[in-house]
Amino acid sequence: MKKILVPTDFSEQAENALKVAAQLARAHNAEIYLLHILEIPLHEVDAMNSQSDLPEAVFFMKLAHKKFENILNRDYLEGVTVHETVDFHEIFKGVFHNCKKHDIDLVIMGSNGVSGLKEMLIGSNTEKIVRTSETPVLVVKKEHETFKVSDFVFASDFKEESKATYKKAVDFATILKAKLHLLVVNTPNKFITSDHANERMQDFANSSSFSNYSTNIYNDVNIEKGIMNFSESIGADLIGMSTHGRQGISHFFNGSISEDLVNHAKRPVITFKI
């Protein structure tokens, strides 16, 4: 993990994400790319590139760079390499473009919890970034003076198509030196036997040399509640899941489970695209 992207609207939630990014960057000798999106109409952007006199656009550019200056002077960023980037794409496209351009390893975003991601990161933009990002996305809900992950829940249906995301979760758990808790949630509509669930999880575990893990089956009324209740029961520090990109969550994770967890879980959530 050498390059971390943090989208920012300069809100408190975005700064919480930046503080976590700073800790990870310092611990792993990584660089931060701090991204602010200016949603200026394309014809104005083209005009700016032609050095036309556009007071409104120029004002917002200068304001963004002034806010960057203020942030870069924060004590928690001392000794961390931070690249400031202002982009003119839509938010989702800006994140995607910068991940590709800079070969980003991790995106970190801020959220205020049950109300969803505020201001810049809201509604369909949240869904698009969390569900379709090819880069893992970590969503944090509050300020973490010390971001330490000892217990990391990875919830999945543990079908073959999710094996690649399991390996990404293992890589992240290894970086954080965390114990990985493999979790199958049984619900009335999505029930499999304990033997079958354990067989699936063990098959995943056997695909890697990673040994610091546990296998778990939890019964609940729906998948979202099962993940959150199990995580609460073990005092987990992080929840991880697979996403299926534009097709939504695969089989086990139907509907909007990833967005629901991002919005409702008290704990940080990380998503890995299948």
Protein backbone atom coordinates (compact mmCIF):
# COMPACT_ATOMS: atom_id res chain seq x y z
CA MET A 1 0.00 0.00 0.00
CA LYS A 2 1.94 2.96 -1.34
CA LYS A 3 -0.69 5.38 -2.69
CA ILE A 4 -3.87 6.47 -0.90
CA LEU A 5 -6.58 8.64 -2.45
CA VAL A 6 -8.73 10.80 -0.16
CA PRO A 7 -11.65 12.66 -1.83
CA THR A 8 -12.40 15.80 0.16
CA ASP A 9 -15.06 18.48 0.32
CA PHE A 10 -13.14 19.97 3.29
CA SER A 11 -15.86 18.80 5.70
CA GLU A 12 -15.28 17.29 9.14
CA GLN A 13 -16.10 13.84 7.76
CA ALA A 14 -13.54 14.19 4.99
CA GLU A 15 -10.90 15.29 7.48
CA ASN A 16 -11.62 12.20 9.59
CA ALA A 17 -10.78 10.15 6.51
CA LEU A 18 -7.60 12.16 5.96
CA LYS A 19 -6.47 11.56 9.55
CA VAL A 20 -6.81 7.81 9.05
CA ALA A 21 -4.98 8.08 5.73
CA ALA A 22 -2.16 9.98 7.43
CA GLN A 23 -1.73 7.23 10.02
CA LEU A 24 -1.65 4.51 7.38
CA ALA A 25 0.68 6.53 5.16
CA ARG A 26 3.11 7.14 8.00
CA ALA A 27 3.05 3.49 9.10
CA HIS A 28 3.57 2.10 5.60
CA ASN A 29 5.62 4.83 3.94
CA ALA A 30 2.77 5.69 1.58
CA GLU A 31 1.79 8.91 -0.19
CA ILE A 32 -1.61 10.63 -0.06
CA TYR A 33 -3.44 12.09 -3.03
CA LEU A 34 -5.94 14.60 -1.69
CA LEU A 35 -8.66 15.14 -4.28
CA HIS A 36 -11.17 17.98 -4.46
CA ILE A 37 -13.79 18.01 -7.22
CA LEU A 38 -15.02 21.28 -8.67
CA GLU A 39 -18.28 20.60 -10.45
CA ILE A 40 -17.90 23.43 -12.96
CA PRO A 41 -19.69 23.10 -16.33
CA LEU A 42 -17.39 21.74 -19.03
CA HIS A 43 -17.63 24.83 -21.22
CA GLU A 44 -16.31 26.90 -18.31
CA VAL A 45 -13.44 24.47 -17.76
CA ASP A 46 -12.49 24.72 -21.42
CA ALA A 47 -12.66 28.47 -21.17
CA MET A 48 -10.42 28.43 -18.08
CA ASN A 49 -7.87 26.36 -19.96
CA SER A 50 -7.93 29.12 -22.59
CA GLN A 51 -7.22 31.63 -19.82
CA SER A 52 -10.57 33.35 -20.26
CA ASP A 53 -11.78 35.73 -17.62
CA LEU A 54 -14.20 33.65 -15.55
CA PRO A 55 -14.38 35.23 -12.09
CA GLU A 56 -16.62 32.54 -10.56
CA ALA A 57 -14.52 29.60 -11.73
CA VAL A 58 -11.26 31.31 -10.82
CA PHE A 59 -12.67 32.17 -7.39
CA PHE A 60 -13.51 28.54 -6.62
CA MET A 61 -10.10 27.39 -7.83
CA LYS A 62 -8.34 29.87 -5.55
CA LEU A 63 -10.63 28.96 -2.66
CA ALA A 64 -9.85 25.26 -3.08
CA HIS A 65 -6.10 25.87 -3.10
CA LYS A 66 -6.40 28.09 0.00
CA LYS A 67 -8.22 25.29 1.81
CA PHE A 68 -5.52 22.86 0.68
CA GLU A 69 -2.90 25.15 2.19
CA ASN A 70 -4.74 25.18 5.52
CA ILE A 71 -5.07 21.39 5.58
CA LEU A 72 -1.45 20.73 4.63
CA ASN A 73 -0.36 22.69 7.70
CA ARG A 74 -2.14 20.26 10.05
CA ASP A 75 0.18 18.64 12.61
CA TYR A 76 -1.09 15.14 11.82
CA LEU A 77 0.27 15.45 8.25
CA GLU A 78 3.79 16.32 9.35
CA GLY A 79 6.28 14.11 7.55
CA VAL A 80 3.64 12.70 5.16
CA THR A 81 3.85 13.34 1.41
CA VAL A 82 0.54 14.82 0.23
CA HIS A 83 -0.29 15.67 -3.37
CA GLU A 84 -3.14 18.11 -3.86
CA THR A 85 -5.39 17.57 -6.86
CA VAL A 86 -8.30 19.62 -8.14
CA ASP A 87 -10.42 17.91 -10.79
CA PHE A 88 -13.39 18.96 -12.89
CA HIS A 89 -15.06 15.60 -13.45
CA GLU A 90 -18.24 14.42 -11.79
CA ILE A 91 -17.31 13.08 -8.37
CA PHE A 92 -17.51 9.41 -9.31
CA LYS A 93 -15.59 9.97 -12.55
CA GLY A 94 -12.98 12.06 -10.75
CA VAL A 95 -12.26 9.31 -8.23
CA PHE A 96 -12.11 6.67 -10.98
CA HIS A 97 -9.86 8.82 -13.18
CA ASN A 98 -7.40 9.61 -10.38
CA CYS A 99 -7.22 6.00 -9.23
CA LYS A 100 -6.19 5.01 -12.74
CA LYS A 101 -3.88 7.96 -13.29
CA HIS A 102 -1.93 7.54 -10.05
CA ASP A 103 -2.25 3.75 -9.64
CA ILE A 104 -3.99 4.18 -6.27
CA ASP A 105 -3.97 1.26 -3.82
CA LEU A 106 -6.72 2.45 -1.44
CA VAL A 107 -9.48 5.06 -1.42
CA ILE A 108 -10.48 6.43 1.99
CA MET A 109 -13.74 8.37 2.37
CA GLY A 110 -15.48 9.96 5.34
CA SER A 111 -19.07 9.37 6.42
CA ASN A 112 -21.19 10.65 9.28
CA GLY A 113 -23.00 7.33 9.66
CA VAL A 114 -26.73 6.78 9.34
CA SER A 115 -27.34 9.92 7.30
CA GLY A 116 -24.98 8.73 4.59
CA LEU A 117 -22.01 10.52 3.14
CA LYS A 118 -22.53 14.25 3.41
CA GLU A 119 -22.31 17.04 0.86
CA MET A 120 -19.79 15.99 -1.76
CA LEU A 121 -20.20 12.24 -1.26
CA ILE A 122 -23.93 11.59 -1.23
CA GLY A 123 -26.67 9.58 -2.87
CA SER A 124 -25.85 8.00 -6.20
CA ASN A 125 -22.24 9.18 -5.97
CA THR A 126 -21.75 7.10 -2.83
CA GLU A 127 -23.26 4.07 -4.48
CA LYS A 128 -21.12 4.46 -7.59
CA ILE A 129 -17.86 4.95 -5.72
CA VAL A 130 -18.39 2.20 -3.15
CA ARG A 131 -19.89 -0.36 -5.49
CA THR A 132 -17.96 0.18 -8.70
CA SER A 133 -14.51 1.27 -7.63
CA GLU A 134 -11.91 -1.23 -8.80
CA THR A 135 -9.73 0.06 -5.98
CA PRO A 136 -10.63 -0.99 -2.42
CA VAL A 137 -12.68 1.71 -0.65
CA LEU A 138 -12.42 2.28 3.10
CA VAL A 139 -15.23 4.35 4.65
CA VAL A 140 -14.65 5.76 8.14
CA LYS A 141 -17.45 7.07 10.37
CA LYS A 142 -15.68 9.11 13.00
CA GLU A 143 -12.34 10.50 14.08
CA HIS A 144 -9.78 7.84 14.96
CA GLU A 145 -6.97 9.20 17.08
CA THR A 146 -5.37 5.80 16.63
CA PHE A 147 -6.58 3.71 13.71
CA LYS A 148 -5.74 0.18 14.79
CA VAL A 149 -7.44 -2.91 13.40
CA SER A 150 -7.06 -6.05 15.47
CA ASP A 151 -10.27 -7.83 14.42
CA PHE A 152 -11.38 -7.63 10.80
CA VAL A 153 -14.70 -9.23 9.74
CA PHE A 154 -14.88 -10.42 6.12
CA ALA A 155 -18.47 -11.32 5.22
CA SER A 156 -19.19 -13.19 2.00
CA ASP A 157 -21.14 -16.01 0.38
CA PHE A 158 -17.71 -17.63 -0.22
CA LYS A 159 -18.52 -18.68 -3.74
CA GLU A 160 -15.73 -19.08 -6.26
CA GLU A 161 -16.20 -15.66 -7.87
CA SER A 162 -15.44 -13.97 -4.54
CA LYS A 163 -12.09 -15.69 -4.02
CA ALA A 164 -10.09 -12.85 -5.59
CA THR A 165 -11.64 -10.35 -3.17
CA TYR A 166 -10.83 -12.67 -0.27
CA LYS A 167 -7.19 -12.47 -1.27
CA LYS A 168 -7.42 -8.67 -1.27
CA ALA A 169 -8.90 -8.83 2.24
CA VAL A 170 -6.07 -11.13 3.32
CA ASP A 171 -3.52 -8.67 1.93
CA PHE A 172 -5.16 -5.83 3.87
CA ALA A 173 -5.34 -7.91 7.07
CA THR A 174 -1.65 -8.75 6.65
CA ILE A 175 -0.74 -5.08 6.26
CA LEU A 176 -2.73 -4.20 9.39
CA LYS A 177 -1.56 -7.30 11.31
CA ALA A 178 -5.22 -8.10 12.02
CA LYS A 179 -7.11 -11.31 12.68
CA LEU A 180 -9.55 -12.07 9.86
CA HIS A 181 -12.99 -13.36 10.90
CA LEU A 182 -14.66 -15.12 7.96
CA LEU A 183 -18.43 -14.77 8.24
CA VAL A 184 -21.44 -16.41 6.62
CA VAL A 185 -24.79 -14.93 7.66
CA ASN A 186 -27.72 -17.33 7.54
CA THR A 187 -31.16 -15.79 7.01
CA PRO A 188 -34.58 -17.39 6.45
CA ASN A 189 -34.35 -16.59 2.73
CA LYS A 190 -30.64 -17.31 2.33
CA PHE A 191 -30.07 -20.47 4.34
CA ILE A 192 -27.28 -22.99 3.92
CA THR A 193 -26.26 -25.77 6.28
CA SER A 194 -23.41 -25.28 8.72
CA ASP A 195 -21.42 -28.04 7.00
CA HIS A 196 -21.79 -26.34 3.63
CA ALA A 197 -20.92 -22.91 5.02
CA ASN A 198 -17.85 -24.22 6.83
CA GLU A 199 -16.76 -26.10 3.71
CA ARG A 200 -16.92 -22.90 1.64
CA MET A 201 -15.01 -20.84 4.19
CA GLN A 202 -12.35 -23.49 4.64
CA ASP A 203 -11.87 -23.71 0.88
CA PHE A 204 -11.13 -19.97 0.82
CA ALA A 205 -8.81 -20.23 3.80
CA ASN A 206 -6.91 -23.07 2.15
CA SER A 207 -6.31 -20.90 -0.94
CA SER A 208 -3.95 -18.69 1.07
CA SER A 209 -1.10 -19.20 3.50
CA PHE A 210 -2.70 -16.67 5.85
CA SER A 211 -3.30 -18.43 9.18
CA ASN A 212 -4.64 -15.76 11.54
CA TYR A 213 -8.36 -16.32 10.90
CA SER A 214 -11.55 -17.77 12.33
CA THR A 215 -14.66 -19.16 10.59
CA ASN A 216 -18.08 -18.07 11.78
CA ILE A 217 -21.78 -18.67 11.01
CA TYR A 218 -24.32 -16.18 12.33
CA ASN A 219 -28.12 -16.39 12.12
CA ASP A 220 -30.17 -13.21 11.76
CA VAL A 221 -33.26 -11.74 10.09
CA ASN A 222 -31.25 -10.25 7.22
CA ILE A 223 -27.67 -10.08 6.04
CA GLU A 224 -27.01 -6.47 7.03
CA LYS A 225 -28.16 -6.98 10.61
CA GLY A 226 -26.24 -10.24 10.82
CA ILE A 227 -22.98 -8.60 9.78
CA MET A 228 -23.45 -5.67 12.17
CA ASN A 229 -24.60 -7.83 15.10
CA PHE A 230 -21.77 -10.33 14.69
CA SER A 231 -19.24 -7.50 14.41
CA GLU A 232 -20.65 -5.97 17.58
CA SER A 233 -20.47 -9.30 19.41
CA ILE A 234 -16.72 -9.65 18.84
CA GLY A 235 -15.88 -5.94 19.07
CA ALA A 236 -14.63 -5.85 15.47
CA ASP A 237 -12.62 -2.87 14.30
CA LEU A 238 -13.40 -3.21 10.58
CA ILE A 239 -16.01 -4.83 8.30
CA GLY A 240 -15.12 -5.97 4.79
CA MET A 241 -17.22 -7.28 1.91
CA SER A 242 -17.18 -8.02 -1.79
CA THR A 243 -19.02 -5.89 -4.32
CA HIS A 244 -20.04 -6.83 -7.83
CA GLY A 245 -19.60 -3.47 -9.55
CA ARG A 246 -22.38 -2.34 -11.84
CA GLN A 247 -24.25 -5.57 -11.34
CA GLY A 248 -24.77 -4.93 -7.65
CA ILE A 249 -23.83 -7.30 -4.89
CA SER A 250 -23.40 -10.91 -5.99
CA HIS A 251 -25.99 -13.44 -4.88
CA PHE A 252 -25.39 -13.34 -1.14
CA PHE A 253 -25.18 -9.56 -1.09
CA ASN A 254 -28.35 -8.68 -2.93
CA GLY A 255 -29.90 -5.25 -3.24
CA SER A 256 -28.08 -2.34 -1.62
CA ILE A 257 -26.36 -4.18 1.23
CA SER A 258 -23.00 -2.47 0.67
CA GLU A 259 -24.54 1.01 0.75
CA ASP A 260 -26.68 0.06 3.75
CA LEU A 261 -23.63 -1.09 5.67
CA VAL A 262 -21.65 1.99 4.70
CA ASN A 263 -24.49 4.16 5.96
CA HIS A 264 -25.60 2.20 9.03
CA ALA A 265 -22.62 0.34 10.45
CA LYS A 266 -20.88 2.08 13.35
CA ARG A 267 -17.58 0.60 12.29
CA PRO A 268 -15.35 1.40 9.33
CA VAL A 269 -16.28 -0.57 6.21
CA ILE A 270 -14.00 -1.61 3.36
CA THR A 271 -15.24 -2.92 0.02
CA PHE A 272 -13.41 -5.00 -2.57
CA LYS A 273 -14.69 -5.30 -6.12
CA ILE A 274 -15.10 -8.77 -7.60
